[in-house]
């Protein structure tokens, strides 16, 4: 079964109601390695409810709230889900996330782009995370690469459209060194912790499944790496204040293995106060794993 543009664009997602507690907020931060160093007082506001000023939520917690599940696996989509890759993650924070709240996730498909036979298709889903009172907390966009679903518009004789897609992300500078670099070690069990937030894909837990997918061992969730980059931006450029981050977009280029060290390189954008470009690499393999990153900070 091939994908059908009109069918997917019209797909209805039921609102996802979720209560998250201070315990969930702390678990999210702990799964990203915050608290690995018991003497790191900068981590306390995210992992300890007794910290001065109370518990704070990392902005990237928004990407796991109101999540509709791995719906692309459902038969009616026509998606060859085994070949689906998470290509990019984009996030806008409209107001700081509470440490605990009742929220609703409203999801929809906004773009489907046909790249042609052998080149796949691009699918963009958008999720608005709101309080039950209707206050918008965050808008998150996931860009998926459907490797097995290209050519759908040509095969239909032009009856199925192809969207233009989202504006392209910009590569980081090649002509100058980063203004900041942040190093974060991950723990061997980090993927097992992160999956407790709702993504139970066995690729992140079962060595046999990982080997079948072509990996030497279970890999870290891409959104966990995204959270680590969020933490790096706050620590290096925002005085550890989550309220200052208003946006973060990035492209996933290669997996991270639990236990590896992630180095986030950050560049200021000349003439654009509060705007940053970034990428992340694994120190042990000197491998770029997230690229084309952009973050925006409020003053």
C-alpha atoms as a PDB file:
ATOM      1  CA  UNK A   1       0.000   0.000   0.000  1.00  0.00           C
ATOM      2  CA  UNK A   2       1.485   3.344  -1.094  1.00  0.00           C
ATOM      3  CA  UNK A   3       0.942   6.622   0.675  1.00  0.00           C
ATOM      4  CA  UNK A   4      -1.935   8.817  -0.442  1.00  0.00           C
ATOM      5  CA  UNK A   5      -1.401  12.568  -0.064  1.00  0.00           C
ATOM      6  CA  UNK A   6      -5.045  13.517   0.469  1.00  0.00           C
ATOM      7  CA  UNK A   7      -5.640  10.670   2.904  1.00  0.00           C
ATOM      8  CA  UNK A   8      -2.619  11.544   5.041  1.00  0.00           C
ATOM      9  CA  UNK A   9      -3.220  15.287   5.039  1.00  0.00           C
ATOM     10  CA  UNK A  10      -6.804  14.689   6.180  1.00  0.00           C
ATOM     11  CA  UNK A  11      -5.773  12.207   8.868  1.00  0.00           C
ATOM     12  CA  UNK A  12      -7.414  12.992  12.195  1.00  0.00           C
ATOM     13  CA  UNK A  13      -5.440  12.774  15.413  1.00  0.00           C
ATOM     14  CA  UNK A  14      -7.401  12.601  18.626  1.00  0.00           C
ATOM     15  CA  UNK A  15      -6.238  15.116  21.245  1.00  0.00           C
ATOM     16  CA  UNK A  16      -3.821  13.511  23.697  1.00  0.00           C
ATOM     17  CA  UNK A  17      -4.494  14.496  27.299  1.00  0.00           C
ATOM     18  CA  UNK A  18      -1.562  14.093  29.656  1.00  0.00           C
ATOM     19  CA  UNK A  19      -0.808  14.899  33.253  1.00  0.00           C
ATOM     20  CA  UNK A  20       2.889  15.233  33.960  1.00  0.00           C
ATOM     21  CA  UNK A  21       4.157  15.574  37.501  1.00  0.00           C
ATOM     22  CA  UNK A  22       7.292  16.973  39.109  1.00  0.00           C
ATOM     23  CA  UNK A  23       8.534  13.383  39.150  1.00  0.00           C
ATOM     24  CA  UNK A  24       8.197  13.201  35.348  1.00  0.00           C
ATOM     25  CA  UNK A  25      10.034  16.511  34.970  1.00  0.00           C
ATOM     26  CA  UNK A  26      12.883  15.214  37.120  1.00  0.00           C
ATOM     27  CA  UNK A  27      12.965  11.866  35.290  1.00  0.00           C
ATOM     28  CA  UNK A  28      13.308  13.705  31.980  1.00  0.00           C
ATOM     29  CA  UNK A  29      16.324  15.683  33.243  1.00  0.00           C
ATOM     30  CA  UNK A  30      17.889  12.616  34.869  1.00  0.00           C
ATOM     31  CA  UNK A  31      17.548  10.641  31.620  1.00  0.00           C
ATOM     32  CA  UNK A  32      19.688  13.322  29.959  1.00  0.00           C
ATOM     33  CA  UNK A  33      22.422  12.882  32.547  1.00  0.00           C
ATOM     34  CA  UNK A  34      21.645  15.870  34.722  1.00  0.00           C
ATOM     35  CA  UNK A  35      22.678  14.896  38.229  1.00  0.00           C
ATOM     36  CA  UNK A  36      25.453  12.546  37.094  1.00  0.00           C
ATOM     37  CA  UNK A  37      27.785  14.850  39.017  1.00  0.00           C
ATOM     38  CA  UNK A  38      26.292  15.160  42.523  1.00  0.00           C
ATOM     39  CA  UNK A  39      28.301  18.364  43.074  1.00  0.00           C
ATOM     40  CA  UNK A  40      26.945  20.140  39.975  1.00  0.00           C
ATOM     41  CA  UNK A  41      24.656  22.725  41.545  1.00  0.00           C
ATOM     42  CA  UNK A  42      23.570  24.014  38.117  1.00  0.00           C
ATOM     43  CA  UNK A  43      21.649  20.762  37.620  1.00  0.00           C
ATOM     44  CA  UNK A  44      19.708  20.999  40.892  1.00  0.00           C
ATOM     45  CA  UNK A  45      16.857  23.221  39.614  1.00  0.00           C
ATOM     46  CA  UNK A  46      15.975  20.476  37.090  1.00  0.00           C
ATOM     47  CA  UNK A  47      16.302  17.392  39.322  1.00  0.00           C
ATOM     48  CA  UNK A  48      15.507  18.554  42.891  1.00  0.00           C
ATOM     49  CA  UNK A  49      12.209  19.991  44.025  1.00  0.00           C
ATOM     50  CA  UNK A  50      13.937  21.661  46.982  1.00  0.00           C
ATOM     51  CA  UNK A  51      16.282  23.796  44.861  1.00  0.00           C
ATOM     52  CA  UNK A  52      16.116  27.566  45.423  1.00  0.00           C
ATOM     53  CA  UNK A  53      13.227  28.892  43.355  1.00  0.00           C
ATOM     54  CA  UNK A  54      11.695  25.442  43.026  1.00  0.00           C
ATOM     55  CA  UNK A  55      11.822  22.827  40.294  1.00  0.00           C
ATOM     56  CA  UNK A  56      12.186  23.938  36.657  1.00  0.00           C
ATOM     57  CA  UNK A  57      11.351  22.077  33.457  1.00  0.00           C
ATOM     58  CA  UNK A  58      13.808  21.909  30.578  1.00  0.00           C
ATOM     59  CA  UNK A  59      12.179  23.503  27.501  1.00  0.00           C
ATOM     60  CA  UNK A  60      12.812  20.361  25.439  1.00  0.00           C
ATOM     61  CA  UNK A  61      10.434  18.437  27.712  1.00  0.00           C
ATOM     62  CA  UNK A  62       7.815  19.770  25.274  1.00  0.00           C
ATOM     63  CA  UNK A  63       8.846  17.213  22.626  1.00  0.00           C
ATOM     64  CA  UNK A  64       7.545  14.309  24.744  1.00  0.00           C
ATOM     65  CA  UNK A  65       4.288  15.939  25.891  1.00  0.00           C
ATOM     66  CA  UNK A  66       0.972  15.080  24.226  1.00  0.00           C
ATOM     67  CA  UNK A  67       2.757  12.594  21.964  1.00  0.00           C
ATOM     68  CA  UNK A  68       0.287  10.598  19.801  1.00  0.00           C
ATOM     69  CA  UNK A  69       2.497   7.507  19.611  1.00  0.00           C
ATOM     70  CA  UNK A  70       4.157   5.891  16.600  1.00  0.00           C
ATOM     71  CA  UNK A  71       1.080   6.322  14.408  1.00  0.00           C
ATOM     72  CA  UNK A  72       3.056   5.877  11.150  1.00  0.00           C
ATOM     73  CA  UNK A  73       3.113   2.149  11.893  1.00  0.00           C
ATOM     74  CA  UNK A  74      -0.677   1.904  11.498  1.00  0.00           C
ATOM     75  CA  UNK A  75      -1.746   0.112   8.304  1.00  0.00           C
ATOM     76  CA  UNK A  76      -4.081   2.837   7.004  1.00  0.00           C
ATOM     77  CA  UNK A  77      -1.195   5.313   6.561  1.00  0.00           C
ATOM     78  CA  UNK A  78       0.413   3.380   3.698  1.00  0.00           C
ATOM     79  CA  UNK A  79       3.822   4.415   5.078  1.00  0.00           C
ATOM     80  CA  UNK A  80       6.715   1.971   4.802  1.00  0.00           C
ATOM     81  CA  UNK A  81       7.451   2.628   8.468  1.00  0.00           C
ATOM     82  CA  UNK A  82      10.469   0.305   8.671  1.00  0.00           C
ATOM     83  CA  UNK A  83      12.321   2.748   6.401  1.00  0.00           C
ATOM     84  CA  UNK A  84      11.176   5.891   8.251  1.00  0.00           C
ATOM     85  CA  UNK A  85      13.923   8.094   9.696  1.00  0.00           C
ATOM     86  CA  UNK A  86      13.572  11.052  12.055  1.00  0.00           C
ATOM     87  CA  UNK A  87      15.263  13.781  10.033  1.00  0.00           C
ATOM     88  CA  UNK A  88      14.784  17.039  11.942  1.00  0.00           C
ATOM     89  CA  UNK A  89      13.205  18.410  15.092  1.00  0.00           C
ATOM     90  CA  UNK A  90      11.954  21.981  15.433  1.00  0.00           C
ATOM     91  CA  UNK A  91      10.465  23.614  18.526  1.00  0.00           C
ATOM     92  CA  UNK A  92       8.981  26.976  19.499  1.00  0.00           C
ATOM     93  CA  UNK A  93       8.412  27.739  23.187  1.00  0.00           C
ATOM     94  CA  UNK A  94       5.622  30.253  23.702  1.00  0.00           C
ATOM     95  CA  UNK A  95       5.856  30.365  27.490  1.00  0.00           C
ATOM     96  CA  UNK A  96       7.993  28.511  30.046  1.00  0.00           C
ATOM     97  CA  UNK A  97       6.813  24.988  30.779  1.00  0.00           C
ATOM     98  CA  UNK A  98       5.474  24.475  34.311  1.00  0.00           C
ATOM     99  CA  UNK A  99       7.202  21.836  36.426  1.00  0.00           C
ATOM    100  CA  UNK A 100       3.870  19.993  36.484  1.00  0.00           C
ATOM    101  CA  UNK A 101       0.676  20.488  34.514  1.00  0.00           C
ATOM    102  CA  UNK A 102      -2.309  19.018  32.700  1.00  0.00           C
ATOM    103  CA  UNK A 103      -1.685  19.412  28.969  1.00  0.00           C
ATOM    104  CA  UNK A 104      -3.296  18.498  25.663  1.00  0.00           C
ATOM    105  CA  UNK A 105      -1.394  17.645  22.484  1.00  0.00           C
ATOM    106  CA  UNK A 106      -3.065  18.550  19.176  1.00  0.00           C
ATOM    107  CA  UNK A 107      -1.282  16.919  16.212  1.00  0.00           C
ATOM    108  CA  UNK A 108      -1.685  17.316  12.466  1.00  0.00           C
ATOM    109  CA  UNK A 109       0.255  16.643   9.261  1.00  0.00           C
ATOM    110  CA  UNK A 110       1.307  19.937   7.669  1.00  0.00           C
ATOM    111  CA  UNK A 111       3.588  18.975   4.751  1.00  0.00           C
ATOM    112  CA  UNK A 112       4.172  15.990   2.472  1.00  0.00           C
ATOM    113  CA  UNK A 113       6.898  16.436  -0.119  1.00  0.00           C
ATOM    114  CA  UNK A 114       7.619  13.926  -2.880  1.00  0.00           C
ATOM    115  CA  UNK A 115      11.360  13.714  -3.588  1.00  0.00           C
ATOM    116  CA  UNK A 116      10.918  11.124  -6.365  1.00  0.00           C
ATOM    117  CA  UNK A 117      11.497   7.412  -6.915  1.00  0.00           C
ATOM    118  CA  UNK A 118      14.487   6.189  -4.975  1.00  0.00           C
ATOM    119  CA  UNK A 119      14.677   9.470  -3.064  1.00  0.00           C
ATOM    120  CA  UNK A 120      11.793   9.067  -0.652  1.00  0.00           C
ATOM    121  CA  UNK A 121       9.322  11.591   0.667  1.00  0.00           C
ATOM    122  CA  UNK A 122       9.371  14.149   3.477  1.00  0.00           C
ATOM    123  CA  UNK A 123       6.557  14.280   6.020  1.00  0.00           C
ATOM    124  CA  UNK A 124       6.132  17.051   8.609  1.00  0.00           C
ATOM    125  CA  UNK A 125       3.927  16.652  11.664  1.00  0.00           C
ATOM    126  CA  UNK A 126       3.116  19.522  13.981  1.00  0.00           C
ATOM    127  CA  UNK A 127       1.977  19.269  17.591  1.00  0.00           C
ATOM    128  CA  UNK A 128       0.602  22.125  19.657  1.00  0.00           C
ATOM    129  CA  UNK A 129       1.053  21.555  23.387  1.00  0.00           C
ATOM    130  CA  UNK A 130      -1.555  23.484  25.374  1.00  0.00           C
ATOM    131  CA  UNK A 131      -2.778  23.596  28.943  1.00  0.00           C
ATOM    132  CA  UNK A 132      -6.281  22.307  29.561  1.00  0.00           C
ATOM    133  CA  UNK A 133      -7.297  25.971  29.829  1.00  0.00           C
ATOM    134  CA  UNK A 134      -6.129  26.530  26.229  1.00  0.00           C
ATOM    135  CA  UNK A 135      -2.850  28.396  26.883  1.00  0.00           C
ATOM    136  CA  UNK A 136      -0.299  27.517  24.181  1.00  0.00           C
ATOM    137  CA  UNK A 137       2.961  26.304  25.727  1.00  0.00           C
ATOM    138  CA  UNK A 138       4.898  24.997  22.730  1.00  0.00           C
ATOM    139  CA  UNK A 139       4.709  24.100  19.054  1.00  0.00           C
ATOM    140  CA  UNK A 140       6.886  21.177  17.962  1.00  0.00           C
ATOM    141  CA  UNK A 141       7.508  19.957  14.436  1.00  0.00           C
ATOM    142  CA  UNK A 142       8.984  16.594  13.489  1.00  0.00           C
ATOM    143  CA  UNK A 143      10.412  16.126  10.011  1.00  0.00           C
ATOM    144  CA  UNK A 144      10.439  12.470   8.914  1.00  0.00           C
ATOM    145  CA  UNK A 145      12.207  11.006   5.892  1.00  0.00           C
ATOM    146  CA  UNK A 146      10.054   8.291   4.318  1.00  0.00           C
ATOM    147  CA  UNK A 147      12.740   6.408   2.426  1.00  0.00           C
ATOM    148  CA  UNK A 148      10.335   3.901   0.915  1.00  0.00           C
ATOM    149  CA  UNK A 149       7.592   6.268  -0.248  1.00  0.00           C
ATOM    150  CA  UNK A 150       9.030   8.492  -2.976  1.00  0.00           C
ATOM    151  CA  UNK A 151       7.413   8.913  -6.376  1.00  0.00           C
ATOM    152  CA  UNK A 152       3.801   8.916  -5.175  1.00  0.00           C
ATOM    153  CA  UNK A 153       2.884  12.091  -7.097  1.00  0.00           C
ATOM    154  CA  UNK A 154       4.349  10.890 -10.409  1.00  0.00           C
ATOM    155  CA  UNK A 155       2.668   7.493 -10.130  1.00  0.00           C
ATOM    156  CA  UNK A 156      -0.736   9.138  -9.706  1.00  0.00           C
ATOM    157  CA  UNK A 157      -0.410  11.115 -12.917  1.00  0.00           C
ATOM    158  CA  UNK A 158      -0.062  14.352 -10.995  1.00  0.00           C
ATOM    159  CA  UNK A 159      -3.322  13.839  -9.105  1.00  0.00           C
ATOM    160  CA  UNK A 160      -1.526  13.828  -5.768  1.00  0.00           C
ATOM    161  CA  UNK A 161       0.236  17.092  -4.871  1.00  0.00           C
ATOM    162  CA  UNK A 162       3.658  17.616  -3.367  1.00  0.00           C
ATOM    163  CA  UNK A 163       4.200  20.422  -0.851  1.00  0.00           C
ATOM    164  CA  UNK A 164       7.153  22.791  -0.935  1.00  0.00           C
ATOM    165  CA  UNK A 165       8.207  21.809   2.582  1.00  0.00           C
ATOM    166  CA  UNK A 166       9.698  23.805   5.442  1.00  0.00           C
ATOM    167  CA  UNK A 167      12.438  26.421   4.984  1.00  0.00           C
ATOM    168  CA  UNK A 168      15.835  24.730   4.929  1.00  0.00           C
ATOM    169  CA  UNK A 169      18.042  24.825   8.010  1.00  0.00           C
ATOM    170  CA  UNK A 170      21.415  26.540   7.652  1.00  0.00           C
ATOM    171  CA  UNK A 171      24.790  24.846   8.038  1.00  0.00           C
ATOM    172  CA  UNK A 172      27.131  26.004  10.788  1.00  0.00           C
ATOM    173  CA  UNK A 173      30.142  28.196   9.896  1.00  0.00           C
ATOM    174  CA  UNK A 174      33.206  26.495   8.412  1.00  0.00           C
ATOM    175  CA  UNK A 175      35.459  29.565   8.491  1.00  0.00           C
ATOM    176  CA  UNK A 176      35.744  30.122  12.235  1.00  0.00           C
ATOM    177  CA  UNK A 177      35.920  28.222  15.491  1.00  0.00           C
ATOM    178  CA  UNK A 178      32.814  27.979  17.692  1.00  0.00           C
ATOM    179  CA  UNK A 179      32.280  30.633  20.339  1.00  0.00           C
ATOM    180  CA  UNK A 180      31.284  27.985  22.900  1.00  0.00           C
ATOM    181  CA  UNK A 181      31.733  24.230  23.283  1.00  0.00           C
ATOM    182  CA  UNK A 182      29.910  22.115  25.824  1.00  0.00           C
ATOM    183  CA  UNK A 183      30.863  18.552  26.733  1.00  0.00           C
ATOM    184  CA  UNK A 184      28.368  16.096  28.202  1.00  0.00           C
ATOM    185  CA  UNK A 185      29.028  12.429  28.958  1.00  0.00           C
ATOM    186  CA  UNK A 186      26.105  10.050  28.581  1.00  0.00           C
ATOM    187  CA  UNK A 187      25.663   6.953  30.712  1.00  0.00           C
ATOM    188  CA  UNK A 188      25.434   3.396  29.314  1.00  0.00           C
ATOM    189  CA  UNK A 189      21.840   3.050  30.591  1.00  0.00           C
ATOM    190  CA  UNK A 190      20.669   6.447  29.300  1.00  0.00           C
ATOM    191  CA  UNK A 191      18.475   5.024  26.514  1.00  0.00           C
ATOM    192  CA  UNK A 192      16.757   2.678  28.979  1.00  0.00           C
ATOM    193  CA  UNK A 193      15.941   5.684  31.149  1.00  0.00           C
ATOM    194  CA  UNK A 194      14.791   7.894  28.277  1.00  0.00           C
ATOM    195  CA  UNK A 195      12.384   5.265  26.909  1.00  0.00           C
ATOM    196  CA  UNK A 196      10.388   5.514  30.153  1.00  0.00           C
ATOM    197  CA  UNK A 197       9.194   8.901  28.863  1.00  0.00           C
ATOM    198  CA  UNK A 198       7.049   7.154  26.250  1.00  0.00           C
ATOM    199  CA  UNK A 199       9.164   5.989  23.289  1.00  0.00           C
ATOM    200  CA  UNK A 200       9.361   2.222  23.754  1.00  0.00           C
ATOM    201  CA  UNK A 201      10.935   1.396  20.387  1.00  0.00           C
ATOM    202  CA  UNK A 202      13.022  -1.752  21.089  1.00  0.00           C
ATOM    203  CA  UNK A 203      15.781  -0.326  18.906  1.00  0.00           C
ATOM    204  CA  UNK A 204      16.860   1.575  22.021  1.00  0.00           C
ATOM    205  CA  UNK A 205      16.829  -1.422  24.359  1.00  0.00           C
ATOM    206  CA  UNK A 206      17.214  -4.792  22.624  1.00  0.00           C
ATOM    207  CA  UNK A 207      20.650  -5.637  21.161  1.00  0.00           C
ATOM    208  CA  UNK A 208      19.082  -8.157  18.744  1.00  0.00           C
ATOM    209  CA  UNK A 209      16.724  -5.544  17.312  1.00  0.00           C
ATOM    210  CA  UNK A 210      19.574  -3.039  17.043  1.00  0.00           C
ATOM    211  CA  UNK A 211      21.719  -5.537  15.111  1.00  0.00           C
ATOM    212  CA  UNK A 212      18.859  -6.257  12.687  1.00  0.00           C
ATOM    213  CA  UNK A 213      18.630  -2.519  12.044  1.00  0.00           C
ATOM    214  CA  UNK A 214      22.360  -2.375  11.254  1.00  0.00           C
ATOM    215  CA  UNK A 215      23.692  -1.014  14.546  1.00  0.00           C
ATOM    216  CA  UNK A 216      26.292  -2.666  16.724  1.00  0.00           C
ATOM    217  CA  UNK A 217      24.181  -2.063  19.833  1.00  0.00           C
ATOM    218  CA  UNK A 218      21.072  -0.125  20.965  1.00  0.00           C
ATOM    219  CA  UNK A 219      21.215   3.557  20.059  1.00  0.00           C
ATOM    220  CA  UNK A 220      20.198   6.634  22.006  1.00  0.00           C
ATOM    221  CA  UNK A 221      16.913   8.272  21.046  1.00  0.00           C
ATOM    222  CA  UNK A 222      17.395  11.215  18.691  1.00  0.00           C
ATOM    223  CA  UNK A 223      15.197  13.336  20.948  1.00  0.00           C
ATOM    224  CA  UNK A 224      17.484  12.505  23.871  1.00  0.00           C
ATOM    225  CA  UNK A 225      20.396  13.979  21.904  1.00  0.00           C
ATOM    226  CA  UNK A 226      18.126  16.947  21.168  1.00  0.00           C
ATOM    227  CA  UNK A 227      17.579  17.386  24.908  1.00  0.00           C
ATOM    228  CA  UNK A 228      21.324  17.270  25.544  1.00  0.00           C
ATOM    229  CA  UNK A 229      21.847  20.058  23.005  1.00  0.00           C
ATOM    230  CA  UNK A 230      19.101  22.084  24.698  1.00  0.00           C
ATOM    231  CA  UNK A 231      20.901  21.670  28.007  1.00  0.00           C
ATOM    232  CA  UNK A 232      24.192  22.762  26.428  1.00  0.00           C
ATOM    233  CA  UNK A 233      22.638  25.975  25.051  1.00  0.00           C
ATOM    234  CA  UNK A 234      21.139  26.858  28.436  1.00  0.00           C
ATOM    235  CA  UNK A 235      24.381  26.179  30.281  1.00  0.00           C
ATOM    236  CA  UNK A 236      26.702  27.987  27.877  1.00  0.00           C
ATOM    237  CA  UNK A 237      24.564  30.890  26.666  1.00  0.00           C
ATOM    238  CA  UNK A 238      21.482  31.436  28.844  1.00  0.00           C
ATOM    239  CA  UNK A 239      22.735  31.494  32.437  1.00  0.00           C
ATOM    240  CA  UNK A 240      20.980  28.154  32.983  1.00  0.00           C
ATOM    241  CA  UNK A 241      17.615  29.920  32.674  1.00  0.00           C
ATOM    242  CA  UNK A 242      15.075  27.817  30.716  1.00  0.00           C
ATOM    243  CA  UNK A 243      12.755  30.802  30.306  1.00  0.00           C
ATOM    244  CA  UNK A 244      15.218  32.386  27.867  1.00  0.00           C
ATOM    245  CA  UNK A 245      15.022  29.689  25.182  1.00  0.00           C
ATOM    246  CA  UNK A 246      12.335  30.449  22.600  1.00  0.00           C
ATOM    247  CA  UNK A 247      13.300  28.147  19.702  1.00  0.00           C
ATOM    248  CA  UNK A 248      15.592  25.268  18.788  1.00  0.00           C
ATOM    249  CA  UNK A 249      15.795  23.483  15.415  1.00  0.00           C
ATOM    250  CA  UNK A 250      18.268  20.792  14.413  1.00  0.00           C
ATOM    251  CA  UNK A 251      18.926  17.993  11.916  1.00  0.00           C
ATOM    252  CA  UNK A 252      19.764  14.414  12.918  1.00  0.00           C
ATOM    253  CA  UNK A 253      22.693  13.088  10.885  1.00  0.00           C
ATOM    254  CA  UNK A 254      23.985  10.035  12.766  1.00  0.00           C
ATOM    255  CA  UNK A 255      23.058   8.009  15.868  1.00  0.00           C
ATOM    256  CA  UNK A 256      24.617   8.348  19.308  1.00  0.00           C
ATOM    257  CA  UNK A 257      25.401   5.273  21.395  1.00  0.00           C
ATOM    258  CA  UNK A 258      24.661   5.390  25.133  1.00  0.00           C
ATOM    259  CA  UNK A 259      27.879   5.974  27.031  1.00  0.00           C
ATOM    260  CA  UNK A 260      29.401   8.256  24.403  1.00  0.00           C
ATOM    261  CA  UNK A 261      30.380  11.883  24.995  1.00  0.00           C
ATOM    262  CA  UNK A 262      28.453  14.598  23.182  1.00  0.00           C
ATOM    263  CA  UNK A 263      30.231  17.861  22.359  1.00  0.00           C
ATOM    264  CA  UNK A 264      27.962  20.744  21.324  1.00  0.00           C
ATOM    265  CA  UNK A 265      29.639  23.552  19.353  1.00  0.00           C
ATOM    266  CA  UNK A 266      27.846  26.914  19.348  1.00  0.00           C
ATOM    267  CA  UNK A 267      28.364  30.040  17.226  1.00  0.00           C
ATOM    268  CA  UNK A 268      26.920  33.499  17.765  1.00  0.00           C
ATOM    269  CA  UNK A 269      25.265  34.925  14.639  1.00  0.00           C
ATOM    270  CA  UNK A 270      26.815  38.340  13.833  1.00  0.00           C
ATOM    271  CA  UNK A 271      24.252  41.130  13.897  1.00  0.00           C
ATOM    272  CA  UNK A 272      21.553  38.917  15.393  1.00  0.00           C
ATOM    273  CA  UNK A 273      21.617  39.118  19.201  1.00  0.00           C
ATOM    274  CA  UNK A 274      20.212  35.998  20.818  1.00  0.00           C
ATOM    275  CA  UNK A 275      20.490  33.889  17.678  1.00  0.00           C
ATOM    276  CA  UNK A 276      22.857  30.924  17.696  1.00  0.00           C
ATOM    277  CA  UNK A 277      23.997  28.230  15.279  1.00  0.00           C
ATOM    278  CA  UNK A 278      25.038  24.833  16.572  1.00  0.00           C
ATOM    279  CA  UNK A 279      26.027  21.270  15.885  1.00  0.00           C
ATOM    280  CA  UNK A 280      26.926  18.283  18.063  1.00  0.00           C
ATOM    281  CA  UNK A 281      29.533  15.589  17.644  1.00  0.00           C
ATOM    282  CA  UNK A 282      30.564  12.421  19.441  1.00  0.00           C
ATOM    283  CA  UNK A 283      34.014  12.927  20.937  1.00  0.00           C
ATOM    284  CA  UNK A 284      35.068   9.274  20.855  1.00  0.00           C
ATOM    285  CA  UNK A 285      34.432   8.949  17.105  1.00  0.00           C
ATOM    286  CA  UNK A 286      34.891  12.613  16.123  1.00  0.00           C
ATOM    287  CA  UNK A 287      31.572  12.226  14.320  1.00  0.00           C
ATOM    288  CA  UNK A 288      28.974  14.956  13.720  1.00  0.00           C
ATOM    289  CA  UNK A 289      25.633  13.543  14.868  1.00  0.00           C
ATOM    290  CA  UNK A 290      23.420  16.666  14.857  1.00  0.00           C
ATOM    291  CA  UNK A 291      23.891  19.522  12.399  1.00  0.00           C
ATOM    292  CA  UNK A 292      22.303  22.646  10.910  1.00  0.00           C
ATOM    293  CA  UNK A 293      21.180  23.720  14.385  1.00  0.00           C
ATOM    294  CA  UNK A 294      19.588  27.051  15.278  1.00  0.00           C
ATOM    295  CA  UNK A 295      18.548  28.406  18.671  1.00  0.00           C
ATOM    296  CA  UNK A 296      16.939  31.683  19.696  1.00  0.00           C
ATOM    297  CA  UNK A 297      17.290  33.242  23.141  1.00  0.00           C
ATOM    298  CA  UNK A 298      15.341  36.069  24.719  1.00  0.00           C
ATOM    299  CA  UNK A 299      17.418  38.702  26.476  1.00  0.00           C
END
